[in-house]
C-alpha atoms as a PDB file:
ATOM      1  CA  MET A   1       9.963 -35.261 -14.274  1.00  0.00           C
ATOM      2  CA  HIS A   2      12.329 -37.194 -16.536  1.00  0.00           C
ATOM      3  CA  ARG A   3      10.134 -40.292 -16.229  1.00  0.00           C
ATOM      4  CA  ILE A   4       7.011 -38.366 -17.286  1.00  0.00           C
ATOM      5  CA  LEU A   5       8.878 -36.992 -20.296  1.00  0.00           C
ATOM      6  CA  ASN A   6       9.952 -40.519 -21.309  1.00  0.00           C
ATOM      7  CA  ILE A   7       6.370 -41.779 -21.049  1.00  0.00           C
ATOM      8  CA  LEU A   8       5.123 -38.836 -23.097  1.00  0.00           C
ATOM      9  CA  VAL A   9       7.721 -39.461 -25.845  1.00  0.00           C
ATOM     10  CA  PHE A  10       6.813 -43.162 -25.853  1.00  0.00           C
ATOM     11  CA  LEU A  11       3.101 -42.359 -26.276  1.00  0.00           C
ATOM     12  CA  ILE A  12       3.814 -39.952 -29.132  1.00  0.00           C
ATOM     13  CA  ILE A  13       5.926 -42.558 -30.936  1.00  0.00           C
ATOM     14  CA  LEU A  14       3.266 -45.209 -30.352  1.00  0.00           C
ATOM     15  CA  SER A  15       0.470 -43.013 -31.707  1.00  0.00           C
ATOM     16  CA  ALA A  16       2.554 -42.087 -34.765  1.00  0.00           C
ATOM     17  CA  TYR A  17       3.155 -45.777 -35.492  1.00  0.00           C
ATOM     18  CA  GLN A  18      -0.553 -46.567 -35.276  1.00  0.00           C
ATOM     19  CA  SER A  19      -1.538 -43.718 -37.586  1.00  0.00           C
ATOM     20  CA  THR A  20       0.731 -44.957 -40.395  1.00  0.00           C
ATOM     21  CA  GLU A  21      -0.717 -48.468 -40.374  1.00  0.00           C
ATOM     22  CA  THR A  22      -2.423 -49.436 -43.652  1.00  0.00           C
ATOM     23  CA  ILE A  23      -6.055 -50.280 -43.102  1.00  0.00           C
ATOM     24  CA  GLY A  24      -7.318 -51.418 -46.519  1.00  0.00           C
ATOM     25  CA  ASN A  25     -10.781 -51.581 -48.029  1.00  0.00           C
ATOM     26  CA  PRO A  26     -13.754 -52.475 -45.817  1.00  0.00           C
ATOM     27  CA  THR A  27     -14.582 -56.173 -45.740  1.00  0.00           C
ATOM     28  CA  ALA A  28     -18.041 -57.746 -45.799  1.00  0.00           C
ATOM     29  CA  GLU A  29     -17.569 -58.693 -42.167  1.00  0.00           C
ATOM     30  CA  GLU A  30     -16.770 -55.101 -41.151  1.00  0.00           C
ATOM     31  CA  THR A  31     -19.615 -53.679 -43.219  1.00  0.00           C
ATOM     32  CA  LEU A  32     -22.202 -56.054 -41.759  1.00  0.00           C
ATOM     33  CA  ARG A  33     -20.899 -55.494 -38.240  1.00  0.00           C
ATOM     34  CA  LEU A  34     -21.528 -51.745 -38.672  1.00  0.00           C
ATOM     35  CA  ASP A  35     -24.929 -52.247 -40.341  1.00  0.00           C
ATOM     36  CA  GLN A  36     -26.643 -55.630 -40.031  1.00  0.00           C
ATOM     37  CA  ASN A  37     -29.226 -54.540 -42.619  1.00  0.00           C
ATOM     38  CA  ALA A  38     -26.671 -53.475 -45.244  1.00  0.00           C
ATOM     39  CA  ASN A  39     -27.386 -54.684 -48.782  1.00  0.00           C
ATOM     40  CA  ILE A  40     -23.948 -55.688 -50.120  1.00  0.00           C
ATOM     41  CA  PHE A  41     -22.171 -57.853 -52.661  1.00  0.00           C
ATOM     42  CA  MET A  42     -18.544 -58.573 -53.544  1.00  0.00           C
ATOM     43  CA  TYR A  43     -17.019 -57.989 -56.980  1.00  0.00           C
ATOM     44  CA  LYS A  44     -13.274 -58.076 -57.747  1.00  0.00           C
ATOM     45  CA  ASP A  45     -12.454 -58.402 -54.034  1.00  0.00           C
ATOM     46  CA  THR A  46     -14.320 -55.170 -53.238  1.00  0.00           C
ATOM     47  CA  ILE A  47     -17.564 -54.688 -51.324  1.00  0.00           C
ATOM     48  CA  TYR A  48     -20.375 -52.703 -52.947  1.00  0.00           C
ATOM     49  CA  ASN A  49     -23.132 -51.250 -50.756  1.00  0.00           C
ATOM     50  CA  ALA A  50     -26.684 -50.154 -51.683  1.00  0.00           C
ATOM     51  CA  GLY A  51     -28.739 -47.455 -50.014  1.00  0.00           C
ATOM     52  CA  VAL A  52     -26.333 -44.532 -50.319  1.00  0.00           C
ATOM     53  CA  PRO A  53     -28.693 -41.538 -50.701  1.00  0.00           C
ATOM     54  CA  TRP A  54     -26.482 -39.343 -52.891  1.00  0.00           C
ATOM     55  CA  VAL A  55     -25.793 -42.283 -55.237  1.00  0.00           C
ATOM     56  CA  ASP A  56     -29.530 -42.903 -55.638  1.00  0.00           C
ATOM     57  CA  GLU A  57     -29.999 -39.253 -56.683  1.00  0.00           C
ATOM     58  CA  LEU A  58     -27.445 -39.335 -59.528  1.00  0.00           C
ATOM     59  CA  ASP A  59     -28.498 -39.375 -63.173  1.00  0.00           C
ATOM     60  CA  LEU A  60     -26.823 -42.591 -64.397  1.00  0.00           C
ATOM     61  CA  THR A  61     -26.959 -44.718 -67.538  1.00  0.00           C
ATOM     62  CA  LYS A  62     -26.744 -48.496 -67.264  1.00  0.00           C
ATOM     63  CA  ASP A  63     -23.963 -49.895 -69.465  1.00  0.00           C
ATOM     64  CA  ILE A  64     -22.758 -53.452 -70.117  1.00  0.00           C
ATOM     65  CA  GLU A  65     -23.307 -56.493 -67.887  1.00  0.00           C
ATOM     66  CA  ILE A  66     -20.102 -57.412 -66.061  1.00  0.00           C
ATOM     67  CA  THR A  67     -21.056 -60.191 -63.661  1.00  0.00           C
ATOM     68  CA  GLU A  68     -23.896 -61.842 -61.804  1.00  0.00           C
ATOM     69  CA  ILE A  69     -24.528 -62.978 -58.258  1.00  0.00           C
ATOM     70  CA  THR A  70     -23.429 -66.598 -57.856  1.00  0.00           C
ATOM     71  CA  HIS A  71     -23.641 -67.129 -54.080  1.00  0.00           C
ATOM     72  CA  LYS A  72     -25.815 -66.087 -51.174  1.00  0.00           C
ATOM     73  CA  GLY A  73     -24.001 -65.241 -47.938  1.00  0.00           C
ATOM     74  CA  TYR A  74     -25.199 -64.016 -44.583  1.00  0.00           C
ATOM     75  CA  ARG A  75     -21.943 -63.942 -42.598  1.00  0.00           C
ATOM     76  CA  GLY A  76     -19.216 -61.561 -43.694  1.00  0.00           C
ATOM     77  CA  GLU A  77     -16.480 -64.150 -43.417  1.00  0.00           C
ATOM     78  CA  ASP A  78     -18.298 -66.308 -46.013  1.00  0.00           C
ATOM     79  CA  PHE A  79     -18.103 -63.658 -48.749  1.00  0.00           C
ATOM     80  CA  LYS A  80     -16.137 -64.208 -51.942  1.00  0.00           C
ATOM     81  CA  ASN A  81     -16.492 -62.651 -55.385  1.00  0.00           C
ATOM     82  CA  GLY A  82     -20.081 -63.077 -56.601  1.00  0.00           C
ATOM     83  CA  THR A  83     -21.564 -63.287 -53.085  1.00  0.00           C
ATOM     84  CA  ALA A  84     -24.489 -61.100 -51.989  1.00  0.00           C
ATOM     85  CA  ASN A  85     -26.510 -61.066 -48.795  1.00  0.00           C
ATOM     86  CA  LYS A  86     -29.816 -59.752 -50.185  1.00  0.00           C
ATOM     87  CA  LEU A  87     -29.674 -60.051 -53.985  1.00  0.00           C
ATOM     88  CA  LYS A  88     -30.869 -63.310 -55.522  1.00  0.00           C
ATOM     89  CA  VAL A  89     -28.435 -65.721 -57.147  1.00  0.00           C
ATOM     90  CA  GLY A  90     -28.522 -64.951 -60.867  1.00  0.00           C
ATOM     91  CA  THR A  91     -29.012 -61.193 -60.418  1.00  0.00           C
ATOM     92  CA  LYS A  92     -27.165 -59.406 -63.207  1.00  0.00           C
ATOM     93  CA  ILE A  93     -24.731 -56.593 -62.378  1.00  0.00           C
ATOM     94  CA  TYR A  94     -23.982 -53.716 -64.769  1.00  0.00           C
ATOM     95  CA  LEU A  95     -21.451 -50.931 -65.131  1.00  0.00           C
ATOM     96  CA  VAL A  96     -22.659 -47.342 -65.408  1.00  0.00           C
ATOM     97  CA  LYS A  97     -21.322 -45.045 -68.115  1.00  0.00           C
ATOM     98  CA  GLU A  98     -20.724 -42.015 -65.901  1.00  0.00           C
ATOM     99  CA  ARG A  99     -18.733 -43.468 -62.977  1.00  0.00           C
ATOM    100  CA  LYS A 100     -16.405 -46.360 -62.181  1.00  0.00           C
ATOM    101  CA  ASP A 101     -17.335 -46.619 -58.483  1.00  0.00           C
ATOM    102  CA  ILE A 102     -21.040 -47.399 -58.932  1.00  0.00           C
ATOM    103  CA  LEU A 103     -22.635 -50.598 -60.244  1.00  0.00           C
ATOM    104  CA  ILE A 104     -26.298 -51.390 -60.895  1.00  0.00           C
ATOM    105  CA  ALA A 105     -28.080 -54.624 -59.999  1.00  0.00           C
ATOM    106  CA  GLU A 106     -31.086 -55.428 -62.174  1.00  0.00           C
ATOM    107  CA  THR A 107     -33.813 -56.965 -59.984  1.00  0.00           C
ATOM    108  CA  ASP A 108     -37.505 -57.904 -60.316  1.00  0.00           C
ATOM    109  CA  LYS A 109     -38.354 -54.821 -58.241  1.00  0.00           C
ATOM    110  CA  GLY A 110     -36.217 -52.443 -60.298  1.00  0.00           C
ATOM    111  CA  ASP A 111     -32.595 -51.399 -60.506  1.00  0.00           C
ATOM    112  CA  ILE A 112     -30.533 -51.033 -57.318  1.00  0.00           C
ATOM    113  CA  ARG A 113     -27.414 -48.875 -57.248  1.00  0.00           C
ATOM    114  CA  PHE A 114     -24.338 -50.042 -55.357  1.00  0.00           C
ATOM    115  CA  TYR A 115     -21.433 -47.847 -54.290  1.00  0.00           C
ATOM    116  CA  GLN A 116     -17.891 -49.221 -54.106  1.00  0.00           C
ATOM    117  CA  LEU A 117     -16.502 -49.205 -50.556  1.00  0.00           C
ATOM    118  CA  VAL A 118     -12.836 -48.266 -50.702  1.00  0.00           C
ATOM    119  CA  GLU A 119     -10.428 -46.824 -48.172  1.00  0.00           C
ATOM    120  CA  GLY A 120      -9.172 -43.328 -48.812  1.00  0.00           C
END
């Protein structure tokens, strides 16, 4: 009985340790592993993802240009700031006036909204 109690206490301590571990923002590698067809780019060390239905429904106003796509990447581990997997190099990226967690890419086929992927 004492041995079972010790094992139970050990498992509780172990699970508590794992739950306090800091995870951090999703990486390009993690995002593409979960969805191979994800449309993403990296800006200021953060991944932005297109195709979020509720983001596409928002009434947003495009603001100033803040960056542009400078690299094309297909593997998550190759991503750095300015890298996109589906946007063309040279695509301009804009802030929106209403929110800080959404950016707009201006493309030949129209604007695409990207949502910032952050933990928590």
